[in-house]
Amino acid sequence: MKVLTGSGSIATQAVSALVVSVFEGQQLSGSVTQLGAAAVEMLQRLLTREEISTKAGKVSLLHEVPGVTAQCVLVVGCGERSEWD
């Protein structure tokens, strides 16, 4: 596996998979908000319907996320934000 880091919009990175994190409370923030309105709306709908978990260690693999160049987006639940501070 090749892991790349860089700068710029994460939505337009030419990568196989993009990894973003979500915290409990269903508030999208951080790198997720850089994905663009269509992707954020999709993720918010999935969170509201509890199809994506924000619990620590839970992972969801999404294909064809609107506005995202990556082949898939891996959404990683991180639990409570306060546990990361």
C-alpha atoms as a PDB file:
ATOM      1  CA  MET A   1       0.000   0.000   0.000  1.00  0.00           C
ATOM      2  CA  LYS A   2       1.239   3.448  -0.861  1.00  0.00           C
ATOM      3  CA  VAL A   3       0.286   6.286   1.497  1.00  0.00           C
ATOM      4  CA  LEU A   4       0.538   9.864   0.275  1.00  0.00           C
ATOM      5  CA  THR A   5       0.276  13.152   2.087  1.00  0.00           C
ATOM      6  CA  GLY A   6      -0.058  16.532   0.513  1.00  0.00           C
ATOM      7  CA  SER A   7      -1.873  19.803   0.368  1.00  0.00           C
ATOM      8  CA  GLY A   8      -4.781  21.116  -1.628  1.00  0.00           C
ATOM      9  CA  SER A   9      -8.368  19.992  -1.939  1.00  0.00           C
ATOM     10  CA  ILE A  10      -8.823  16.402  -0.824  1.00  0.00           C
ATOM     11  CA  ALA A  11     -11.848  16.061  -3.123  1.00  0.00           C
ATOM     12  CA  THR A  12      -9.673  16.319  -6.247  1.00  0.00           C
ATOM     13  CA  GLN A  13      -6.769  14.091  -5.196  1.00  0.00           C
ATOM     14  CA  ALA A  14      -6.101  11.352  -7.757  1.00  0.00           C
ATOM     15  CA  VAL A  15      -6.019   8.439  -5.297  1.00  0.00           C
ATOM     16  CA  SER A  16      -7.667   5.031  -5.036  1.00  0.00           C
ATOM     17  CA  ALA A  17      -9.095   5.694  -1.581  1.00  0.00           C
ATOM     18  CA  LEU A  18      -9.597   8.728   0.569  1.00  0.00           C
ATOM     19  CA  VAL A  19      -9.852   8.342   4.348  1.00  0.00           C
ATOM     20  CA  VAL A  20     -11.893  10.793   6.430  1.00  0.00           C
ATOM     21  CA  SER A  21     -12.835  10.721  10.099  1.00  0.00           C
ATOM     22  CA  VAL A  22     -16.161  11.419  11.784  1.00  0.00           C
ATOM     23  CA  PHE A  23     -16.814  12.037  15.459  1.00  0.00           C
ATOM     24  CA  GLU A  24     -19.877  11.258  17.570  1.00  0.00           C
ATOM     25  CA  GLY A  25     -22.568  13.916  17.606  1.00  0.00           C
ATOM     26  CA  GLN A  26     -23.147  13.715  13.841  1.00  0.00           C
ATOM     27  CA  GLN A  27     -21.420  17.049  13.211  1.00  0.00           C
ATOM     28  CA  LEU A  28     -19.297  16.868  10.089  1.00  0.00           C
ATOM     29  CA  SER A  29     -16.115  18.884  10.369  1.00  0.00           C
ATOM     30  CA  GLY A  30     -12.459  18.971   9.457  1.00  0.00           C
ATOM     31  CA  SER A  31     -11.415  17.275   6.241  1.00  0.00           C
ATOM     32  CA  VAL A  32     -14.948  16.032   5.550  1.00  0.00           C
ATOM     33  CA  THR A  33     -16.140  19.584   4.893  1.00  0.00           C
ATOM     34  CA  GLN A  34     -13.522  19.913   2.115  1.00  0.00           C
ATOM     35  CA  LEU A  35     -15.253  17.220   0.059  1.00  0.00           C
ATOM     36  CA  GLY A  36     -17.804  19.627  -1.386  1.00  0.00           C
ATOM     37  CA  ALA A  37     -21.503  20.223  -0.832  1.00  0.00           C
ATOM     38  CA  ALA A  38     -22.813  17.115  -2.632  1.00  0.00           C
ATOM     39  CA  ALA A  39     -20.495  14.754  -0.744  1.00  0.00           C
ATOM     40  CA  VAL A  40     -21.178  16.427   2.606  1.00  0.00           C
ATOM     41  CA  GLU A  41     -24.944  16.178   2.014  1.00  0.00           C
ATOM     42  CA  MET A  42     -24.578  12.479   1.176  1.00  0.00           C
ATOM     43  CA  LEU A  43     -22.489  11.782   4.282  1.00  0.00           C
ATOM     44  CA  GLN A  44     -24.899  13.740   6.484  1.00  0.00           C
ATOM     45  CA  ARG A  45     -27.871  11.719   5.145  1.00  0.00           C
ATOM     46  CA  LEU A  46     -26.012   8.457   5.812  1.00  0.00           C
ATOM     47  CA  LEU A  47     -25.140   9.604   9.341  1.00  0.00           C
ATOM     48  CA  THR A  48     -28.726  10.657  10.044  1.00  0.00           C
ATOM     49  CA  ARG A  49     -29.984   7.238   8.892  1.00  0.00           C
ATOM     50  CA  GLU A  50     -27.209   5.612  10.967  1.00  0.00           C
ATOM     51  CA  GLU A  51     -25.762   3.886   7.903  1.00  0.00           C
ATOM     52  CA  ILE A  52     -22.372   5.306   8.912  1.00  0.00           C
ATOM     53  CA  SER A  53     -21.188   4.888  12.479  1.00  0.00           C
ATOM     54  CA  THR A  54     -19.261   7.508  14.412  1.00  0.00           C
ATOM     55  CA  LYS A  55     -18.287   4.982  17.084  1.00  0.00           C
ATOM     56  CA  ALA A  56     -14.556   4.538  17.532  1.00  0.00           C
ATOM     57  CA  GLY A  57     -13.137   1.893  15.229  1.00  0.00           C
ATOM     58  CA  LYS A  58     -16.190   1.543  12.985  1.00  0.00           C
ATOM     59  CA  VAL A  59     -15.410   1.851   9.278  1.00  0.00           C
ATOM     60  CA  SER A  60     -17.668   2.424   6.267  1.00  0.00           C
ATOM     61  CA  LEU A  61     -16.536   2.122   2.658  1.00  0.00           C
ATOM     62  CA  LEU A  62     -18.383   4.341   0.159  1.00  0.00           C
ATOM     63  CA  HIS A  63     -18.102   4.155  -3.616  1.00  0.00           C
ATOM     64  CA  GLU A  64     -18.859   6.889  -6.151  1.00  0.00           C
ATOM     65  CA  VAL A  65     -19.135   9.758  -3.702  1.00  0.00           C
ATOM     66  CA  PRO A  66     -20.383  12.794  -5.656  1.00  0.00           C
ATOM     67  CA  GLY A  67     -17.738  15.419  -6.354  1.00  0.00           C
ATOM     68  CA  VAL A  68     -14.869  13.216  -5.138  1.00  0.00           C
ATOM     69  CA  THR A  69     -12.188  12.040  -7.570  1.00  0.00           C
ATOM     70  CA  ALA A  70     -11.068   9.089  -5.412  1.00  0.00           C
ATOM     71  CA  GLN A  71     -12.519   5.694  -6.336  1.00  0.00           C
ATOM     72  CA  CYS A  72     -13.838   5.296  -2.798  1.00  0.00           C
ATOM     73  CA  VAL A  73     -14.051   7.082   0.529  1.00  0.00           C
ATOM     74  CA  LEU A  74     -13.288   5.248   3.750  1.00  0.00           C
ATOM     75  CA  VAL A  75     -15.178   6.837   6.653  1.00  0.00           C
ATOM     76  CA  VAL A  76     -13.612   6.052  10.035  1.00  0.00           C
ATOM     77  CA  GLY A  77     -15.608   6.556  13.225  1.00  0.00           C
ATOM     78  CA  CYS A  78     -13.511   8.182  15.934  1.00  0.00           C
ATOM     79  CA  GLY A  79     -15.925   8.287  18.886  1.00  0.00           C
ATOM     80  CA  GLU A  80     -16.050  11.364  21.136  1.00  0.00           C
ATOM     81  CA  ARG A  81     -13.975  14.302  19.958  1.00  0.00           C
ATOM     82  CA  SER A  82     -12.986  15.084  23.561  1.00  0.00           C
ATOM     83  CA  GLU A  83     -11.108  11.790  23.731  1.00  0.00           C
ATOM     84  CA  TRP A  84      -8.763  13.066  21.006  1.00  0.00           C
ATOM     85  CA  ASP A  85      -7.876  16.413  22.610  1.00  0.00           C
END
